[in-house]
Amino acid sequence: MTQYTGELPNYEDFMPESQNAQDEALLVKFYIKPMLDKTQSQVSGRPVHKDTEYIDIRVPGSRDSVARPARDTDRARFPRHYAAFKQRIEAPVEGTPLAEWPVISRSVVEDMSYMGIKTVEALAAVSDSNTQNYMGLALLKRQAGEWLAIAENEAPVAKLTAELEERDARIDAQAKTIEDLSKRLAAVENAAAEPSSPSTTVSEVADGSDGAEAMAASEGLEAPPRRRRRVTG
């Protein structure tokens, strides 16, 4: 196996003939991580998560790693790792994780997970006959159903609140932009209003020699002789 040391390599940095050998030296792991679905959360009025495939890439001996949602290029780049991951993966879970539900403790979350119940929606859908398999499960099922019903009724209000907050944020951004433009415009206007420095010196204005020469030249005439100023001291 090829030994690799140094910074985490980049996919684009490898030539095709050396890429596979470099990749074999990496420690690659695909895994599932719940990701908040903001759109569905607003619609449902409660936090809704979707299981998302992530990838973790690290170099042996290094503490640094790259952990992010997996892309199609990652799946094509590490087909062996991805195939092993898919063989032991569970069915994707969608809904509100029990760990996000404030009604129950962490230990109850673990108990529910052991029975295959990982979301509030799944808990509310447990059959009445199966509620007898765990003490208090019938009560938890009823609480889950009530919580979902309340969240559904409050969903329009939550959605409206989110839309208003987004609108206010846009208004604030627009107001700041207008304020910045006003300041810039005022600065330009002030600069234009300042008197410009005269191009003719005081001595030239005093004897008028340069002005006379310029006027004569414009009329095609011979310029008058320049007068010499007497300097006394």
Protein backbone atom coordinates (compact mmCIF):
# COMPACT_ATOMS: atom_id res chain seq x y z
CA MET A 1 0.00 0.00 0.00
CA THR A 2 1.26 3.48 -0.86
CA GLN A 3 2.36 5.51 2.12
CA TYR A 4 1.29 9.16 2.11
CA THR A 5 2.25 11.96 4.45
CA GLY A 6 1.47 15.64 4.37
CA GLU A 7 -1.68 17.66 3.82
CA LEU A 8 -4.96 16.11 2.84
CA PRO A 9 -4.80 15.61 -0.93
CA ASN A 10 -7.27 17.19 -3.27
CA TYR A 11 -9.07 15.22 -5.95
CA GLU A 12 -8.13 17.70 -8.67
CA ASP A 13 -4.45 17.62 -7.69
CA PHE A 14 -3.94 14.02 -8.81
CA MET A 15 -3.16 12.79 -12.27
CA PRO A 16 -5.38 9.87 -13.34
CA GLU A 17 -2.54 7.35 -13.18
CA SER A 18 -1.60 8.23 -9.59
CA GLN A 19 -4.97 9.12 -8.09
CA ASN A 20 -6.06 5.60 -7.15
CA ALA A 21 -2.76 4.86 -5.43
CA GLN A 22 -2.98 8.09 -3.44
CA ASP A 23 -6.59 7.47 -2.46
CA GLU A 24 -5.78 4.00 -1.14
CA ALA A 25 -3.60 5.64 1.50
CA LEU A 26 -6.50 7.70 2.86
CA LEU A 27 -8.81 6.73 5.71
CA VAL A 28 -12.31 7.09 4.28
CA LYS A 29 -15.61 6.55 6.04
CA PHE A 30 -19.15 7.10 4.83
CA TYR A 31 -21.83 7.52 7.48
CA ILE A 32 -25.35 8.80 8.09
CA LYS A 33 -26.00 12.07 9.89
CA PRO A 34 -29.37 13.77 10.41
CA MET A 35 -29.61 17.12 8.63
CA LEU A 36 -32.25 19.72 9.42
CA ASP A 37 -34.70 20.23 6.55
CA LYS A 38 -35.51 23.93 6.95
CA THR A 39 -38.27 23.98 4.33
CA GLN A 40 -40.10 20.96 5.72
CA SER A 41 -39.60 22.23 9.26
CA GLN A 42 -41.37 25.48 8.40
CA VAL A 43 -44.23 23.59 6.74
CA SER A 44 -44.62 21.15 9.64
CA GLY A 45 -44.08 23.64 12.45
CA ARG A 46 -41.48 21.41 14.11
CA PRO A 47 -37.86 20.43 13.46
CA VAL A 48 -37.77 17.82 10.70
CA HIS A 49 -34.51 16.06 9.91
CA LYS A 50 -33.51 13.87 7.00
CA ASP A 51 -30.81 11.24 7.15
CA THR A 52 -27.99 12.44 4.92
CA GLU A 53 -24.93 10.58 3.71
CA TYR A 54 -21.69 12.13 4.95
CA ILE A 55 -18.06 11.36 4.21
CA ASP A 56 -15.02 11.66 6.47
CA ILE A 57 -11.58 11.75 4.82
CA ARG A 58 -8.34 11.84 6.74
CA VAL A 59 -4.64 11.13 6.22
CA PRO A 60 -3.10 8.43 8.42
CA GLY A 61 -1.21 10.04 11.30
CA SER A 62 -2.88 13.42 10.86
CA ARG A 63 -5.41 14.99 13.19
CA ASP A 64 -7.01 16.95 10.37
CA SER A 65 -9.94 15.58 8.43
CA VAL A 66 -12.64 16.60 5.98
CA ALA A 67 -16.21 15.84 7.07
CA ARG A 68 -19.10 17.02 4.88
CA PRO A 69 -22.17 15.77 2.99
CA ALA A 70 -21.11 13.16 0.44
CA ARG A 71 -21.16 14.06 -3.24
CA ASP A 72 -21.52 11.87 -6.31
CA THR A 73 -17.85 12.47 -7.03
CA ASP A 74 -17.00 11.03 -3.60
CA ARG A 75 -19.03 7.89 -4.29
CA ALA A 76 -17.28 7.47 -7.63
CA ARG A 77 -13.88 8.24 -6.13
CA PHE A 78 -14.19 5.72 -3.27
CA PRO A 79 -16.44 2.94 -4.66
CA ARG A 80 -15.04 0.24 -2.37
CA HIS A 81 -15.67 2.27 0.79
CA TYR A 82 -19.11 3.29 -0.37
CA ALA A 83 -20.13 -0.29 -1.23
CA ALA A 84 -19.09 -1.45 2.24
CA PHE A 85 -21.07 1.40 3.75
CA LYS A 86 -24.23 0.56 1.80
CA GLN A 87 -24.11 -3.09 2.87
CA ARG A 88 -24.58 -2.21 6.52
CA ILE A 89 -26.73 0.89 6.18
CA GLU A 90 -30.20 1.10 7.69
CA ALA A 91 -33.25 2.50 5.96
CA PRO A 92 -33.20 6.32 5.85
CA VAL A 93 -35.17 8.01 8.60
CA GLU A 94 -37.23 11.15 8.08
CA GLY A 95 -39.08 13.10 10.74
CA THR A 96 -38.43 14.69 14.11
CA PRO A 97 -35.73 12.69 15.95
CA LEU A 98 -36.70 11.63 19.44
CA ALA A 99 -33.44 13.20 20.63
CA GLU A 100 -34.90 16.58 19.56
CA TRP A 101 -38.17 15.93 21.44
CA PRO A 102 -38.01 17.60 24.88
CA VAL A 103 -40.68 15.32 26.38
CA ILE A 104 -38.44 12.31 26.97
CA SER A 105 -35.00 11.71 28.47
CA ARG A 106 -31.91 10.45 26.72
CA SER A 107 -32.27 7.00 28.25
CA VAL A 108 -35.82 6.68 26.89
CA VAL A 109 -34.50 7.76 23.48
CA GLU A 110 -32.03 4.86 23.62
CA ASP A 111 -34.78 2.45 24.65
CA MET A 112 -36.98 3.58 21.79
CA SER A 113 -34.10 3.27 19.34
CA TYR A 114 -33.53 -0.30 20.47
CA MET A 115 -37.14 -1.04 19.52
CA GLY A 116 -36.69 0.64 16.15
CA ILE A 117 -38.52 3.86 17.09
CA LYS A 118 -36.35 6.84 16.23
CA THR A 119 -38.77 9.68 15.46
CA VAL A 120 -41.80 11.27 17.06
CA GLU A 121 -43.82 10.29 14.00
CA ALA A 122 -42.85 6.64 14.40
CA LEU A 123 -43.70 6.75 18.09
CA ALA A 124 -47.16 8.14 17.37
CA ALA A 125 -47.71 5.38 14.79
CA VAL A 126 -46.94 2.47 17.16
CA SER A 127 -49.82 0.02 17.21
CA ASP A 128 -51.84 -0.29 20.39
CA SER A 129 -50.90 -3.95 20.73
CA ASN A 130 -47.19 -3.14 20.71
CA THR A 131 -47.51 -0.46 23.39
CA GLN A 132 -47.67 -3.27 25.93
CA ASN A 133 -44.06 -4.23 25.19
CA TYR A 134 -42.66 -1.24 27.07
CA MET A 135 -43.92 0.31 30.27
CA GLY A 136 -45.32 3.74 29.60
CA LEU A 137 -45.22 3.37 25.81
CA ALA A 138 -48.96 3.93 25.49
CA LEU A 139 -48.62 7.28 27.27
CA LEU A 140 -45.64 8.25 25.13
CA LYS A 141 -47.60 7.35 22.00
CA ARG A 142 -50.48 9.58 23.04
CA GLN A 143 -48.12 12.44 23.93
CA ALA A 144 -46.40 12.10 20.57
CA GLY A 145 -49.72 12.28 18.73
CA GLU A 146 -50.80 15.34 20.70
CA TRP A 147 -47.47 17.06 20.13
CA LEU A 148 -47.65 16.45 16.39
CA ALA A 149 -51.22 17.75 16.25
CA ILE A 150 -50.25 20.95 18.09
CA ALA A 151 -47.25 21.42 15.83
CA GLU A 152 -49.40 20.96 12.75
CA ASN A 153 -51.91 23.57 13.97
CA GLU A 154 -49.10 26.01 14.74
CA ALA A 155 -47.30 25.38 11.46
CA PRO A 156 -49.00 28.28 9.58
CA VAL A 157 -48.07 30.67 12.41
CA ALA A 158 -44.49 29.41 12.48
CA LYS A 159 -44.24 29.72 8.71
CA LEU A 160 -45.64 33.26 8.79
CA THR A 161 -43.22 34.21 11.57
CA ALA A 162 -40.28 32.88 9.56
CA GLU A 163 -41.44 34.76 6.46
CA LEU A 164 -41.80 38.00 8.46
CA GLU A 165 -38.33 37.59 9.93
CA GLU A 166 -36.92 37.01 6.46
CA ARG A 167 -38.77 40.09 5.17
CA ASP A 168 -37.46 42.22 8.05
CA ALA A 169 -33.93 41.03 7.32
CA ARG A 170 -34.30 42.06 3.68
CA ILE A 171 -35.69 45.47 4.68
CA ASP A 172 -32.78 46.05 7.07
CA ALA A 173 -30.30 45.11 4.36
CA GLN A 174 -31.98 47.45 1.87
CA ALA A 175 -32.02 50.29 4.41
CA LYS A 176 -28.31 49.85 5.05
CA THR A 177 -27.61 49.85 1.31
CA ILE A 178 -29.61 53.07 0.86
CA GLU A 179 -27.78 54.68 3.80
CA ASP A 180 -24.39 53.76 2.33
CA LEU A 181 -25.40 55.13 -1.08
CA SER A 182 -26.63 58.37 0.51
CA LYS A 183 -23.32 58.85 2.31
CA ARG A 184 -21.37 58.23 -0.87
CA LEU A 185 -23.59 60.67 -2.84
CA ALA A 186 -23.19 63.35 -0.14
CA ALA A 187 -19.42 62.90 -0.26
CA VAL A 188 -19.42 63.37 -4.04
CA GLU A 189 -21.62 66.47 -3.81
CA ASN A 190 -19.41 68.02 -1.11
CA ALA A 191 -16.32 67.38 -3.18
CA ALA A 192 -17.95 69.03 -6.22
CA ALA A 193 -18.99 72.10 -4.20
CA GLU A 194 -15.45 72.88 -2.98
CA PRO A 195 -13.79 75.78 -4.97
CA SER A 196 -10.99 74.73 -7.25
CA SER A 197 -7.49 76.21 -6.82
CA PRO A 198 -6.68 79.03 -9.31
CA SER A 199 -4.19 78.03 -11.97
CA THR A 200 -2.71 81.55 -12.33
CA THR A 201 -0.21 82.74 -9.75
CA VAL A 202 -0.51 86.00 -7.89
CA SER A 203 2.48 87.54 -9.66
CA GLU A 204 1.05 86.61 -13.09
CA VAL A 205 -2.24 88.28 -12.26
CA ALA A 206 -0.41 91.36 -10.97
CA ASP A 207 1.48 92.13 -14.17
CA GLY A 208 -1.03 90.53 -16.54
CA SER A 209 1.79 89.41 -18.83
CA ASP A 210 0.72 85.81 -19.21
CA GLY A 211 -2.91 86.81 -19.72
CA ALA A 212 -1.96 89.29 -22.43
CA GLU A 213 0.21 86.77 -24.22
CA ALA A 214 -2.58 84.20 -24.17
CA MET A 215 -5.10 86.71 -25.54
CA ALA A 216 -2.73 87.84 -28.31
CA ALA A 217 -2.03 84.29 -29.32
CA SER A 218 -5.73 83.52 -29.56
CA GLU A 219 -6.28 86.54 -31.85
CA GLY A 220 -3.25 85.80 -34.02
CA LEU A 221 -1.50 89.00 -32.94
CA GLU A 222 1.97 89.65 -31.73
CA ALA A 223 2.16 89.52 -27.99
CA PRO A 224 3.10 92.75 -26.21
CA PRO A 225 6.50 92.86 -24.56
CA ARG A 226 6.62 91.39 -21.09
CA ARG A 227 6.94 94.05 -18.44
CA ARG A 228 9.64 93.66 -15.93
CA ARG A 229 8.77 94.23 -12.34
CA ARG A 230 11.05 96.41 -10.29
CA VAL A 231 12.23 94.73 -7.18
CA THR A 232 13.18 97.03 -4.38
CA GLY A 233 14.69 96.00 -1.17
